[in-house]
Amino acid sequence: MIRGELEHRGRKIEEETERERREEEGEGREESTVNNSCQQMQDHCTREIGLAASLRDLAVTVRVLLAKTTASAPCPYPYTRVVGECFYLHRKKLAWEKARRVCRGMGGDLAAPAHPHALQAHLADKYGPGYYWVGGRKVTQQTSEDESGDEEMWLWLTGRQLDPDNWLFSRPDNQQGDEDCLELVMSDYPGLFNDETCLVRQKFICQYWEGDEE
């Protein structure tokens, strides 16, 4: 009987020992899982912090470059930069030739913008609707020995030919018979340019040339 009791106690001790061992193993696995999760979270946070720092550095770099670009080539007073070119809207109303003389006296000439749509949008936003002389006019080029072969075309003062898609509808029409000068129109109608009599007095746009045009 004593022997049986001893065997029973021995089995209970073995069972308790096995249970404790399993509990210890379970705690070890749980601790390992927690450690792994913490490590993964730490790695994720480290990557997030690194990405945020990189984005901040990039934003600073962009601001510096923009500031340098703007500051490195300011337009001379009173010109304003619009898409890389310098313009000034003169509010005095003059005929085309007199307007050109004023612009030349300011170190520039009547405007011949490389990006006329951008100039129109800038002026419309700042000043509203209006009509302004710019540096384009109709010229006649002789293509044969007699005048029957002469060709009329519209050119900028720089020698570039006007884009025909930029005219207002049905323009140029030479309605007065002597509409040889170009005006930029700010209106709700599609298009940019209209032909007008050169003696009409109106506001005008000067352009400061920073270098030879390509």
N, C-alpha and C. Protein backbone atom coordinates (compact mmCIF):
# COMPACT_ATOMS: atom_id res chain seq x y z
N MET A 1 0.82 -1.20 0.00
CA MET A 1 0.00 0.00 0.00
C MET A 1 0.86 1.25 0.00
N ILE A 2 1.88 1.22 0.80
CA ILE A 2 2.81 2.36 0.82
C ILE A 2 3.45 2.54 -0.52
N ARG A 3 3.79 1.41 -1.14
CA ARG A 3 4.43 1.48 -2.46
C ARG A 3 3.50 2.14 -3.47
N GLY A 4 2.18 1.75 -3.43
CA GLY A 4 1.24 2.33 -4.38
C GLY A 4 1.09 3.83 -4.17
N GLU A 5 1.07 4.25 -2.89
CA GLU A 5 0.95 5.68 -2.61
C GLU A 5 2.15 6.44 -3.11
N LEU A 6 3.33 5.86 -2.96
CA LEU A 6 4.55 6.52 -3.44
C LEU A 6 4.54 6.66 -4.96
N GLU A 7 4.06 5.61 -5.65
CA GLU A 7 3.99 5.70 -7.11
C GLU A 7 3.00 6.78 -7.54
N HIS A 8 1.86 6.87 -6.80
CA HIS A 8 0.87 7.89 -7.13
C HIS A 8 1.44 9.29 -6.97
N ARG A 9 2.15 9.51 -5.84
CA ARG A 9 2.77 10.83 -5.61
C ARG A 9 3.83 11.13 -6.67
N GLY A 10 4.55 10.07 -7.07
CA GLY A 10 5.58 10.27 -8.09
C GLY A 10 4.98 10.72 -9.41
N ARG A 11 3.82 10.10 -9.78
CA ARG A 11 3.18 10.49 -11.03
C ARG A 11 2.68 11.93 -10.97
N LYS A 12 2.13 12.32 -9.78
CA LYS A 12 1.65 13.70 -9.63
C LYS A 12 2.78 14.70 -9.76
N ILE A 13 3.92 14.33 -9.17
CA ILE A 13 5.08 15.22 -9.27
C ILE A 13 5.52 15.35 -10.71
N GLU A 14 5.54 14.22 -11.46
CA GLU A 14 5.92 14.25 -12.86
C GLU A 14 4.95 15.11 -13.68
N GLU A 15 3.62 14.95 -13.36
CA GLU A 15 2.63 15.74 -14.09
C GLU A 15 2.80 17.23 -13.83
N GLU A 16 3.02 17.59 -12.55
CA GLU A 16 3.22 19.00 -12.22
C GLU A 16 4.48 19.54 -12.88
N THR A 17 5.52 18.72 -12.90
CA THR A 17 6.77 19.14 -13.54
C THR A 17 6.57 19.36 -15.04
N GLU A 18 5.82 18.43 -15.69
CA GLU A 18 5.55 18.56 -17.12
C GLU A 18 4.71 19.80 -17.41
N ARG A 19 3.71 20.05 -16.52
CA ARG A 19 2.87 21.23 -16.71
C ARG A 19 3.68 22.51 -16.58
N GLU A 20 4.56 22.57 -15.60
CA GLU A 20 5.40 23.75 -15.42
C GLU A 20 6.32 23.96 -16.61
N ARG A 21 6.84 22.82 -17.16
CA ARG A 21 7.73 22.93 -18.32
C ARG A 21 6.99 23.50 -19.52
N ARG A 22 5.74 23.00 -19.71
CA ARG A 22 4.95 23.50 -20.84
C ARG A 22 4.61 24.98 -20.66
N GLU A 23 4.27 25.37 -19.44
CA GLU A 23 3.98 26.78 -19.18
C GLU A 23 5.19 27.66 -19.46
N GLU A 24 6.36 27.17 -19.06
CA GLU A 24 7.58 27.93 -19.31
C GLU A 24 7.85 28.07 -20.80
N GLU A 25 7.61 26.95 -21.55
CA GLU A 25 7.80 27.02 -23.00
C GLU A 25 6.81 28.00 -23.63
N GLY A 26 5.53 27.95 -23.14
CA GLY A 26 4.53 28.87 -23.68
C GLY A 26 4.91 30.32 -23.42
N GLU A 27 5.36 30.61 -22.21
CA GLU A 27 5.79 31.97 -21.88
C GLU A 27 6.97 32.41 -22.73
N GLY A 28 7.85 31.45 -23.02
CA GLY A 28 9.00 31.77 -23.85
C GLY A 28 8.60 32.13 -25.27
N ARG A 29 7.63 31.34 -25.81
CA ARG A 29 7.16 31.64 -27.16
C ARG A 29 6.44 32.98 -27.21
N GLU A 30 5.61 33.25 -26.19
CA GLU A 30 4.89 34.53 -26.14
C GLU A 30 5.86 35.70 -26.05
N GLU A 31 6.87 35.54 -25.23
CA GLU A 31 7.87 36.61 -25.10
C GLU A 31 8.62 36.82 -26.40
N SER A 32 8.91 35.71 -27.11
CA SER A 32 9.60 35.82 -28.39
C SER A 32 8.73 36.54 -29.42
N THR A 33 7.41 36.19 -29.41
CA THR A 33 6.49 36.85 -30.34
C THR A 33 6.40 38.34 -30.07
N VAL A 34 6.30 38.70 -28.79
CA VAL A 34 6.23 40.11 -28.41
C VAL A 34 7.51 40.83 -28.83
N ASN A 35 8.65 40.20 -28.61
CA ASN A 35 9.92 40.81 -29.00
C ASN A 35 10.00 41.03 -30.50
N ASN A 36 9.54 40.01 -31.26
CA ASN A 36 9.56 40.14 -32.72
C ASN A 36 8.64 41.27 -33.18
N SER A 37 7.44 41.37 -32.58
CA SER A 37 6.52 42.44 -32.94
C SER A 37 7.10 43.80 -32.63
N CYS A 38 7.72 43.90 -31.47
CA CYS A 38 8.35 45.17 -31.10
C CYS A 38 9.45 45.55 -32.07
N GLN A 39 10.24 44.55 -32.48
CA GLN A 39 11.32 44.81 -33.41
C GLN A 39 10.79 45.25 -34.76
N GLN A 40 9.71 44.59 -35.22
CA GLN A 40 9.10 44.97 -36.49
C GLN A 40 8.54 46.39 -36.43
N MET A 41 7.88 46.71 -35.31
CA MET A 41 7.35 48.06 -35.16
C MET A 41 8.47 49.09 -35.13
N GLN A 42 9.55 48.73 -34.46
CA GLN A 42 10.68 49.65 -34.39
C GLN A 42 11.29 49.87 -35.77
N ASP A 43 11.42 48.78 -36.55
CA ASP A 43 11.95 48.91 -37.91
C ASP A 43 11.03 49.77 -38.77
N HIS A 44 9.70 49.54 -38.63
CA HIS A 44 8.74 50.33 -39.40
C HIS A 44 8.83 51.80 -39.03
N CYS A 45 8.87 52.08 -37.74
CA CYS A 45 8.96 53.47 -37.29
C CYS A 45 10.24 54.12 -37.78
N THR A 46 11.33 53.34 -37.77
CA THR A 46 12.60 53.88 -38.23
C THR A 46 12.53 54.26 -39.71
N ARG A 47 11.88 53.38 -40.52
CA ARG A 47 11.73 53.68 -41.93
C ARG A 47 10.84 54.91 -42.14
N GLU A 48 9.74 55.00 -41.36
CA GLU A 48 8.85 56.15 -41.48
C GLU A 48 9.56 57.46 -41.13
N ILE A 49 10.34 57.41 -40.07
CA ILE A 49 11.08 58.61 -39.66
C ILE A 49 12.09 59.01 -40.74
N GLY A 50 12.76 58.00 -41.30
CA GLY A 50 13.73 58.28 -42.36
C GLY A 50 13.07 58.87 -43.59
N LEU A 51 11.89 58.34 -43.96
CA LEU A 51 11.17 58.86 -45.12
C LEU A 51 10.71 60.30 -44.88
N ALA A 52 10.19 60.57 -43.70
CA ALA A 52 9.75 61.93 -43.38
C ALA A 52 10.92 62.92 -43.45
N ALA A 53 12.07 62.49 -42.94
CA ALA A 53 13.25 63.35 -42.99
C ALA A 53 13.67 63.62 -44.43
N SER A 54 13.61 62.58 -45.27
CA SER A 54 13.98 62.75 -46.67
C SER A 54 13.04 63.72 -47.38
N LEU A 55 11.73 63.61 -47.09
CA LEU A 55 10.76 64.52 -47.70
C LEU A 55 10.98 65.95 -47.25
N ARG A 56 11.32 66.14 -45.99
CA ARG A 56 11.61 67.49 -45.50
C ARG A 56 12.83 68.06 -46.21
N ASP A 57 13.86 67.23 -46.36
CA ASP A 57 15.07 67.68 -47.05
C ASP A 57 14.76 68.05 -48.49
N LEU A 58 13.91 67.24 -49.16
CA LEU A 58 13.55 67.51 -50.55
C LEU A 58 12.78 68.82 -50.66
N ALA A 59 11.84 69.05 -49.74
CA ALA A 59 11.06 70.29 -49.77
C ALA A 59 11.96 71.50 -49.59
N VAL A 60 12.91 71.40 -48.68
CA VAL A 60 13.85 72.50 -48.46
C VAL A 60 14.68 72.76 -49.71
N THR A 61 15.14 71.68 -50.36
CA THR A 61 15.94 71.81 -51.57
C THR A 61 15.16 72.50 -52.68
N VAL A 62 13.89 72.10 -52.86
CA VAL A 62 13.05 72.71 -53.90
C VAL A 62 12.85 74.19 -53.62
N ARG A 63 12.57 74.55 -52.37
CA ARG A 63 12.38 75.97 -52.03
C ARG A 63 13.63 76.77 -52.29
N VAL A 64 14.77 76.20 -51.96
CA VAL A 64 16.04 76.91 -52.19
C VAL A 64 16.28 77.12 -53.67
N LEU A 65 16.03 76.07 -54.48
CA LEU A 65 16.25 76.18 -55.92
C LEU A 65 15.31 77.21 -56.54
N LEU A 66 14.05 77.20 -56.12
CA LEU A 66 13.11 78.18 -56.65
C LEU A 66 13.52 79.59 -56.26
N ALA A 67 13.96 79.75 -55.04
CA ALA A 67 14.40 81.07 -54.60
C ALA A 67 15.60 81.54 -55.39
N LYS A 68 16.55 80.62 -55.64
CA LYS A 68 17.73 80.99 -56.41
C LYS A 68 17.36 81.34 -57.84
N THR A 69 16.43 80.56 -58.44
CA THR A 69 16.02 80.82 -59.81
C THR A 69 15.37 82.19 -59.94
N THR A 70 14.52 82.53 -58.96
CA THR A 70 13.84 83.81 -59.00
C THR A 70 14.80 84.96 -58.74
N ALA A 71 15.70 84.74 -57.78
CA ALA A 71 16.58 85.83 -57.38
C ALA A 71 17.75 86.03 -58.33
N SER A 72 18.11 84.99 -59.09
CA SER A 72 19.32 85.08 -59.91
C SER A 72 19.13 85.97 -61.13
N ALA A 73 17.89 86.10 -61.61
CA ALA A 73 17.67 86.88 -62.84
C ALA A 73 16.42 87.75 -62.71
N PRO A 74 16.43 88.72 -61.82
CA PRO A 74 15.26 89.58 -61.70
C PRO A 74 15.13 90.50 -62.91
N CYS A 75 13.89 90.83 -63.26
CA CYS A 75 13.68 91.78 -64.34
C CYS A 75 14.00 93.19 -63.85
N PRO A 76 14.57 94.03 -64.71
CA PRO A 76 14.83 95.41 -64.30
C PRO A 76 13.51 96.16 -64.08
N TYR A 77 13.51 97.07 -63.15
CA TYR A 77 12.32 97.87 -62.87
C TYR A 77 11.95 98.71 -64.10
N PRO A 78 10.69 98.78 -64.48
CA PRO A 78 9.48 98.29 -63.80
C PRO A 78 8.93 97.00 -64.41
N TYR A 79 9.78 96.24 -65.07
CA TYR A 79 9.31 95.03 -65.75
C TYR A 79 8.97 93.92 -64.75
N THR A 80 8.06 93.03 -65.16
CA THR A 80 7.64 91.89 -64.35
C THR A 80 7.87 90.61 -65.13
N ARG A 81 8.36 89.58 -64.44
CA ARG A 81 8.64 88.31 -65.11
C ARG A 81 7.37 87.48 -65.27
N VAL A 82 7.14 87.02 -66.50
CA VAL A 82 6.02 86.13 -66.81
C VAL A 82 6.55 85.00 -67.67
N VAL A 83 6.61 83.79 -67.11
CA VAL A 83 7.10 82.61 -67.81
C VAL A 83 8.47 82.89 -68.45
N GLY A 84 9.38 83.39 -67.66
CA GLY A 84 10.76 83.56 -68.12
C GLY A 84 11.04 84.79 -68.95
N GLU A 85 10.05 85.66 -69.16
CA GLU A 85 10.26 86.88 -69.94
C GLU A 85 9.82 88.10 -69.13
N CYS A 86 10.35 89.26 -69.49
CA CYS A 86 10.10 90.49 -68.73
C CYS A 86 9.17 91.43 -69.50
N PHE A 87 8.05 91.79 -68.87
CA PHE A 87 7.05 92.64 -69.53
C PHE A 87 6.65 93.81 -68.63
N TYR A 88 6.17 94.85 -69.29
CA TYR A 88 5.61 95.99 -68.56
C TYR A 88 4.41 96.52 -69.33
N LEU A 89 3.28 96.62 -68.64
CA LEU A 89 2.07 97.16 -69.27
C LEU A 89 2.05 98.67 -69.02
N HIS A 90 2.15 99.43 -70.11
CA HIS A 90 2.14 100.89 -70.02
C HIS A 90 0.70 101.36 -70.19
N ARG A 91 0.21 102.13 -69.23
CA ARG A 91 -1.21 102.50 -69.22
C ARG A 91 -1.52 103.77 -70.01
N LYS A 92 -0.48 104.42 -70.51
CA LYS A 92 -0.72 105.58 -71.35
C LYS A 92 -1.15 105.13 -72.74
N LYS A 93 -2.11 105.80 -73.34
CA LYS A 93 -2.62 105.41 -74.65
C LYS A 93 -1.89 106.18 -75.75
N LEU A 94 -1.23 105.41 -76.63
CA LEU A 94 -0.46 105.99 -77.72
C LEU A 94 -0.70 105.20 -79.00
N ALA A 95 -0.39 105.83 -80.14
CA ALA A 95 -0.38 105.10 -81.41
C ALA A 95 0.77 104.10 -81.40
N TRP A 96 0.72 103.13 -82.32
CA TRP A 96 1.67 102.02 -82.30
C TRP A 96 3.11 102.50 -82.37
N GLU A 97 3.46 103.37 -83.31
CA GLU A 97 4.85 103.83 -83.47
C GLU A 97 5.33 104.59 -82.24
N LYS A 98 4.48 105.47 -81.69
CA LYS A 98 4.88 106.21 -80.49
C LYS A 98 5.04 105.27 -79.30
N ALA A 99 4.17 104.28 -79.21
CA ALA A 99 4.29 103.30 -78.14
C ALA A 99 5.61 102.55 -78.25
N ARG A 100 5.99 102.23 -79.47
CA ARG A 100 7.26 101.52 -79.65
C ARG A 100 8.44 102.39 -79.22
N ARG A 101 8.38 103.68 -79.51
CA ARG A 101 9.48 104.57 -79.11
C ARG A 101 9.60 104.63 -77.58
N VAL A 102 8.46 104.64 -76.91
CA VAL A 102 8.49 104.65 -75.44
C VAL A 102 9.15 103.37 -74.91
N CYS A 103 8.77 102.23 -75.47
CA CYS A 103 9.37 100.96 -75.04
C CYS A 103 10.87 100.93 -75.28
N ARG A 104 11.29 101.43 -76.43
CA ARG A 104 12.72 101.45 -76.73
C ARG A 104 13.45 102.39 -75.77
N GLY A 105 12.79 103.47 -75.36
CA GLY A 105 13.38 104.36 -74.39
C GLY A 105 13.52 103.72 -73.01
N MET A 106 12.77 102.65 -72.77
CA MET A 106 12.86 101.92 -71.51
C MET A 106 13.81 100.74 -71.61
N GLY A 107 14.58 100.68 -72.69
CA GLY A 107 15.54 99.59 -72.85
C GLY A 107 14.97 98.33 -73.45
N GLY A 108 13.74 98.40 -73.96
CA GLY A 108 13.12 97.22 -74.55
C GLY A 108 12.51 97.52 -75.90
N ASP A 109 11.38 96.91 -76.17
CA ASP A 109 10.64 97.13 -77.40
C ASP A 109 9.21 96.67 -77.16
N LEU A 110 8.34 96.91 -78.11
CA LEU A 110 7.00 96.36 -77.99
C LEU A 110 7.09 94.83 -77.87
N ALA A 111 6.21 94.26 -77.08
CA ALA A 111 6.33 92.86 -76.70
C ALA A 111 6.15 91.91 -77.89
N ALA A 112 7.00 90.89 -77.91
CA ALA A 112 6.89 89.79 -78.86
C ALA A 112 7.02 88.49 -78.06
N PRO A 113 6.01 88.15 -77.28
CA PRO A 113 6.13 87.06 -76.31
C PRO A 113 6.28 85.69 -76.97
N ALA A 114 7.14 84.88 -76.37
CA ALA A 114 7.27 83.49 -76.83
C ALA A 114 6.07 82.66 -76.38
N HIS A 115 5.42 83.09 -75.29
CA HIS A 115 4.26 82.37 -74.75
C HIS A 115 3.09 83.35 -74.61
N PRO A 116 2.47 83.73 -75.72
CA PRO A 116 1.42 84.77 -75.66
C PRO A 116 0.22 84.40 -74.81
N HIS A 117 -0.13 83.11 -74.76
CA HIS A 117 -1.27 82.71 -73.94
C HIS A 117 -0.99 82.97 -72.47
N ALA A 118 0.23 82.70 -72.03
CA ALA A 118 0.59 82.95 -70.63
C ALA A 118 0.54 84.44 -70.32
N LEU A 119 1.01 85.26 -71.26
CA LEU A 119 0.97 86.71 -71.06
C LEU A 119 -0.47 87.20 -71.00
N GLN A 120 -1.31 86.71 -71.89
CA GLN A 120 -2.72 87.11 -71.89
C GLN A 120 -3.39 86.73 -70.57
N ALA A 121 -3.13 85.51 -70.09
CA ALA A 121 -3.73 85.06 -68.83
C ALA A 121 -3.26 85.92 -67.66
N HIS A 122 -1.97 86.26 -67.64
CA HIS A 122 -1.42 87.09 -66.57
C HIS A 122 -2.07 88.47 -66.56
N LEU A 123 -2.18 89.09 -67.72
CA LEU A 123 -2.74 90.44 -67.80
C LEU A 123 -4.25 90.43 -67.53
N ALA A 124 -4.94 89.41 -68.03
CA ALA A 124 -6.39 89.34 -67.80
C ALA A 124 -6.68 89.17 -66.32
N ASP A 125 -5.86 88.37 -65.64
CA ASP A 125 -6.06 88.15 -64.21
C ASP A 125 -5.77 89.41 -63.40
N LYS A 126 -4.79 90.18 -63.85
CA LYS A 126 -4.36 91.35 -63.08
C LYS A 126 -5.13 92.61 -63.45
N TYR A 127 -5.47 92.77 -64.73
CA TYR A 127 -6.07 94.03 -65.19
C TYR A 127 -7.47 93.89 -65.77
N GLY A 128 -7.89 92.68 -66.10
CA GLY A 128 -9.21 92.50 -66.69
C GLY A 128 -9.20 92.71 -68.19
N PRO A 129 -10.39 92.84 -68.81
CA PRO A 129 -10.49 92.99 -70.27
C PRO A 129 -9.78 94.24 -70.77
N GLY A 130 -9.31 94.17 -72.01
CA GLY A 130 -8.65 95.34 -72.59
C GLY A 130 -8.00 95.02 -73.92
N TYR A 131 -7.46 96.08 -74.53
CA TYR A 131 -6.78 95.97 -75.83
C TYR A 131 -5.42 96.65 -75.70
N TYR A 132 -4.36 95.96 -76.13
CA TYR A 132 -3.01 96.47 -75.92
C TYR A 132 -2.16 96.26 -77.16
N TRP A 133 -1.42 97.31 -77.53
CA TRP A 133 -0.46 97.15 -78.62
C TRP A 133 0.64 96.18 -78.20
N VAL A 134 1.03 95.32 -79.13
CA VAL A 134 2.21 94.47 -78.97
C VAL A 134 3.04 94.57 -80.25
N GLY A 135 4.21 93.95 -80.21
CA GLY A 135 5.18 94.14 -81.28
C GLY A 135 5.02 93.24 -82.48
N GLY A 136 3.88 93.30 -83.12
CA GLY A 136 3.67 92.57 -84.37
C GLY A 136 3.04 93.49 -85.40
N ARG A 137 3.37 93.27 -86.66
CA ARG A 137 2.76 94.09 -87.71
C ARG A 137 2.77 93.36 -89.04
N LYS A 138 1.96 93.87 -89.95
CA LYS A 138 1.85 93.26 -91.28
C LYS A 138 2.96 93.80 -92.17
N VAL A 139 3.63 92.91 -92.85
CA VAL A 139 4.69 93.31 -93.78
C VAL A 139 4.40 92.69 -95.14
N THR A 140 4.95 93.32 -96.15
CA THR A 140 4.78 92.82 -97.52
C THR A 140 6.13 92.36 -98.04
N GLN A 141 6.17 91.14 -98.46
CA GLN A 141 7.40 90.58 -99.01
C GLN A 141 7.21 90.33 -100.50
N GLN A 142 8.18 90.80 -101.28
CA GLN A 142 8.09 90.66 -102.73
C GLN A 142 8.54 89.26 -103.13
N THR A 143 7.66 88.56 -103.82
CA THR A 143 7.96 87.20 -104.25
C THR A 143 8.18 87.10 -105.75
N SER A 144 7.96 88.22 -106.47
CA SER A 144 8.20 88.22 -107.92
C SER A 144 8.58 89.64 -108.33
N GLU A 145 8.92 89.82 -109.59
CA GLU A 145 9.37 91.13 -110.07
C GLU A 145 8.23 92.14 -110.12
N ASP A 146 7.00 91.70 -110.30
CA ASP A 146 5.87 92.64 -110.29
C ASP A 146 5.10 92.50 -108.97
N GLU A 147 4.30 93.49 -108.67
CA GLU A 147 3.60 93.53 -107.40
C GLU A 147 2.54 92.44 -107.26
N SER A 148 2.16 91.82 -108.36
CA SER A 148 1.12 90.79 -108.29
C SER A 148 1.57 89.58 -107.48
N GLY A 149 2.87 89.44 -107.35
CA GLY A 149 3.37 88.30 -106.60
C GLY A 149 3.72 88.62 -105.16
N ASP A 150 3.46 89.87 -104.72
CA ASP A 150 3.79 90.24 -103.34
C ASP A 150 2.92 89.46 -102.35
N GLU A 151 3.53 89.12 -101.23
CA GLU A 151 2.83 88.34 -100.20
C GLU A 151 2.82 89.12 -98.89
N GLU A 152 1.63 89.22 -98.29
CA GLU A 152 1.50 89.88 -97.00
C GLU A 152 1.54 88.83 -95.89
N MET A 153 2.27 89.14 -94.84
CA MET A 153 2.34 88.24 -93.70
C MET A 153 2.50 89.06 -92.43
N TRP A 154 2.18 88.41 -91.32
CA TRP A 154 2.30 89.06 -90.02
C TRP A 154 3.52 88.53 -89.29
N LEU A 155 4.38 89.46 -88.87
CA LEU A 155 5.62 89.08 -88.20
C LEU A 155 5.76 89.84 -86.89
N TRP A 156 6.42 89.20 -85.95
CA TRP A 156 6.86 89.89 -84.75
C TRP A 156 8.06 90.77 -85.10
N LEU A 157 8.34 91.73 -84.22
CA LEU A 157 9.52 92.58 -84.44
C LEU A 157 10.81 91.77 -84.41
N THR A 158 10.76 90.59 -83.83
CA THR A 158 11.94 89.72 -83.79
C THR A 158 12.14 88.95 -85.10
N GLY A 159 11.15 89.01 -86.01
CA GLY A 159 11.25 88.29 -87.27
C GLY A 159 10.46 86.99 -87.29
N ARG A 160 9.97 86.56 -86.13
CA ARG A 160 9.14 85.35 -86.09
C ARG A 160 7.78 85.61 -86.72
N GLN A 161 7.26 84.59 -87.36
CA GLN A 161 5.92 84.70 -87.93
C GLN A 161 4.87 84.37 -86.87
N LEU A 162 3.76 85.11 -86.89
CA LEU A 162 2.69 84.85 -85.93
C LEU A 162 2.06 83.48 -86.18
N ASP A 163 1.68 82.83 -85.11
CA ASP A 163 0.96 81.57 -85.21
C ASP A 163 -0.47 81.88 -85.67
N PRO A 164 -0.89 81.37 -86.82
CA PRO A 164 -2.24 81.70 -87.34
C PRO A 164 -3.36 81.22 -86.42
N ASP A 165 -3.09 80.26 -85.55
CA ASP A 165 -4.12 79.76 -84.65
C ASP A 165 -4.43 80.72 -83.51
N ASN A 166 -3.61 81.76 -83.36
CA ASN A 166 -3.79 82.68 -82.23
C ASN A 166 -4.64 83.91 -82.56
N TRP A 167 -5.13 84.00 -83.79
CA TRP A 167 -5.99 85.13 -84.16
C TRP A 167 -7.39 84.96 -83.57
N LEU A 168 -8.04 86.08 -83.29
CA LEU A 168 -9.46 86.03 -83.01
C LEU A 168 -10.21 85.52 -84.24
N PHE A 169 -11.44 85.07 -84.05
CA PHE A 169 -12.22 84.51 -85.15
C PHE A 169 -12.35 85.50 -86.30
N SER A 170 -12.10 85.01 -87.50
CA SER A 170 -12.18 85.76 -88.77
C SER A 170 -11.16 86.88 -88.88
N ARG A 171 -10.15 86.88 -88.02
CA ARG A 171 -9.08 87.86 -88.11
C ARG A 171 -7.83 87.20 -88.68
N PRO A 172 -6.95 88.00 -89.32
CA PRO A 172 -7.06 89.43 -89.61
C PRO A 172 -8.04 89.68 -90.76
N ASP A 173 -8.77 90.80 -90.66
CA ASP A 173 -9.77 91.09 -91.70
C ASP A 173 -9.52 92.42 -92.41
N ASN A 174 -8.58 93.23 -91.89
CA ASN A 174 -8.24 94.53 -92.50
C ASN A 174 -9.51 95.33 -92.80
N GLN A 175 -10.37 95.41 -91.80
CA GLN A 175 -11.68 96.02 -91.99
C GLN A 175 -11.61 97.48 -92.43
N GLN A 176 -10.63 98.24 -91.88
CA GLN A 176 -10.52 99.66 -92.22
C GLN A 176 -9.64 99.91 -93.44
N GLY A 177 -9.03 98.85 -93.95
CA GLY A 177 -8.18 99.00 -95.12
C GLY A 177 -6.73 99.31 -94.79
N ASP A 178 -6.45 99.65 -93.54
CA ASP A 178 -5.07 99.95 -93.15
C ASP A 178 -4.75 99.39 -91.76
N GLU A 179 -5.32 98.24 -91.45
CA GLU A 179 -5.10 97.62 -90.14
C GLU A 179 -3.82 96.79 -90.18
N ASP A 180 -2.72 97.47 -89.98
CA ASP A 180 -1.40 96.85 -90.18
C ASP A 180 -0.66 96.56 -88.87
N CYS A 181 -1.27 96.88 -87.72
CA CYS A 181 -0.58 96.69 -86.45
C CYS A 181 -1.35 95.69 -85.58
N LEU A 182 -0.62 95.07 -84.66
CA LEU A 182 -1.17 93.95 -83.89
C LEU A 182 -1.53 94.40 -82.47
N GLU A 183 -2.72 94.00 -82.05
CA GLU A 183 -3.12 94.24 -80.67
C GLU A 183 -3.46 92.92 -79.99
N LEU A 184 -3.09 92.85 -78.71
CA LEU A 184 -3.44 91.71 -77.87
C LEU A 184 -4.76 92.02 -77.18
N VAL A 185 -5.69 91.07 -77.27
CA VAL A 185 -7.04 91.29 -76.76
C VAL A 185 -7.28 90.41 -75.54
N MET A 186 -7.73 91.04 -74.46
CA MET A 186 -8.17 90.30 -73.28
C MET A 186 -9.69 90.35 -73.25
N SER A 187 -10.32 89.23 -73.60
CA SER A 187 -11.78 89.17 -73.64
C SER A 187 -12.22 87.74 -73.40
N ASP A 188 -13.53 87.53 -73.43
CA ASP A 188 -14.08 86.19 -73.25
C ASP A 188 -14.08 85.39 -74.54
N TYR A 189 -13.69 86.00 -75.65
CA TYR A 189 -13.66 85.30 -76.93
C TYR A 189 -12.37 84.51 -77.06
N PRO A 190 -12.43 83.34 -77.71
CA PRO A 190 -11.20 82.58 -77.93
C PRO A 190 -10.27 83.32 -78.88
N GLY A 191 -8.99 83.16 -78.66
CA GLY A 191 -8.01 83.83 -79.50
C GLY A 191 -7.32 84.96 -78.76
N LEU A 192 -6.27 85.48 -79.39
CA LEU A 192 -5.43 86.47 -78.74
C LEU A 192 -5.36 87.79 -79.48
N PHE A 193 -5.25 87.73 -80.82
CA PHE A 193 -4.82 88.90 -81.57
C PHE A 193 -5.89 89.43 -82.53
N ASN A 194 -5.79 90.74 -82.74
CA ASN A 194 -6.64 91.42 -83.71
C ASN A 194 -5.77 92.41 -84.49
N ASP A 195 -6.10 92.60 -85.77
CA ASP A 195 -5.41 93.62 -86.55
C ASP A 195 -6.13 94.95 -86.36
N GLU A 196 -5.36 96.03 -86.23
CA GLU A 196 -5.94 97.33 -85.94
C GLU A 196 -5.15 98.42 -86.65
N THR A 197 -5.83 99.54 -86.90
CA THR A 197 -5.18 100.70 -87.51
C THR A 197 -4.09 101.23 -86.58
N CYS A 198 -2.90 101.44 -87.12
CA CYS A 198 -1.74 101.77 -86.29
C CYS A 198 -1.86 103.11 -85.58
N LEU A 199 -2.74 104.00 -86.06
CA LEU A 199 -2.87 105.32 -85.45
C LEU A 199 -3.82 105.34 -84.26
N VAL A 200 -4.49 104.23 -84.01
CA VAL A 200 -5.38 104.15 -82.85
C VAL A 200 -4.55 104.28 -81.57
N ARG A 201 -5.03 105.10 -80.64
CA ARG A 201 -4.31 105.30 -79.39
C ARG A 201 -4.83 104.31 -78.35
N GLN A 202 -3.93 103.51 -77.81
CA GLN A 202 -4.32 102.56 -76.77
C GLN A 202 -3.11 102.17 -75.92
N LYS A 203 -3.38 101.48 -74.84
CA LYS A 203 -2.31 101.03 -73.95
C LYS A 203 -1.42 100.04 -74.69
N PHE A 204 -0.23 99.78 -74.13
CA PHE A 204 0.71 98.91 -74.84
C PHE A 204 1.58 98.14 -73.86
N ILE A 205 2.20 97.09 -74.37
CA ILE A 205 3.02 96.20 -73.55
C ILE A 205 4.45 96.23 -74.06
N CYS A 206 5.37 96.59 -73.18
CA CYS A 206 6.79 96.59 -73.51
C CYS A 206 7.43 95.28 -73.03
N GLN A 207 8.51 94.91 -73.68
CA GLN A 207 9.27 93.73 -73.27
C GLN A 207 10.74 94.06 -73.21
N TYR A 208 11.37 93.63 -72.13
CA TYR A 208 12.81 93.82 -71.96
C TYR A 208 13.50 92.56 -72.44
N TRP A 209 14.42 92.71 -73.39
CA TRP A 209 15.10 91.56 -73.98
C TRP A 209 16.38 91.28 -73.20
N GLU A 210 16.45 90.10 -72.60
CA GLU A 210 17.61 89.73 -71.78
C GLU A 210 18.73 89.11 -72.61
N GLY A 211 18.43 88.74 -73.84
CA GLY A 211 19.44 88.13 -74.69
C GLY A 211 18.87 87.90 -76.07
N ASP A 212 19.70 87.44 -76.98
CA ASP A 212 19.22 87.17 -78.33
C ASP A 212 18.23 86.04 -78.30
N GLU A 213 17.16 86.20 -79.05
CA GLU A 213 16.13 85.17 -79.12
C GLU A 213 16.60 84.01 -79.98
N GLU A 214 16.25 82.81 -79.53
CA GLU A 214 16.61 81.62 -80.30
C GLU A 214 15.74 81.50 -81.53
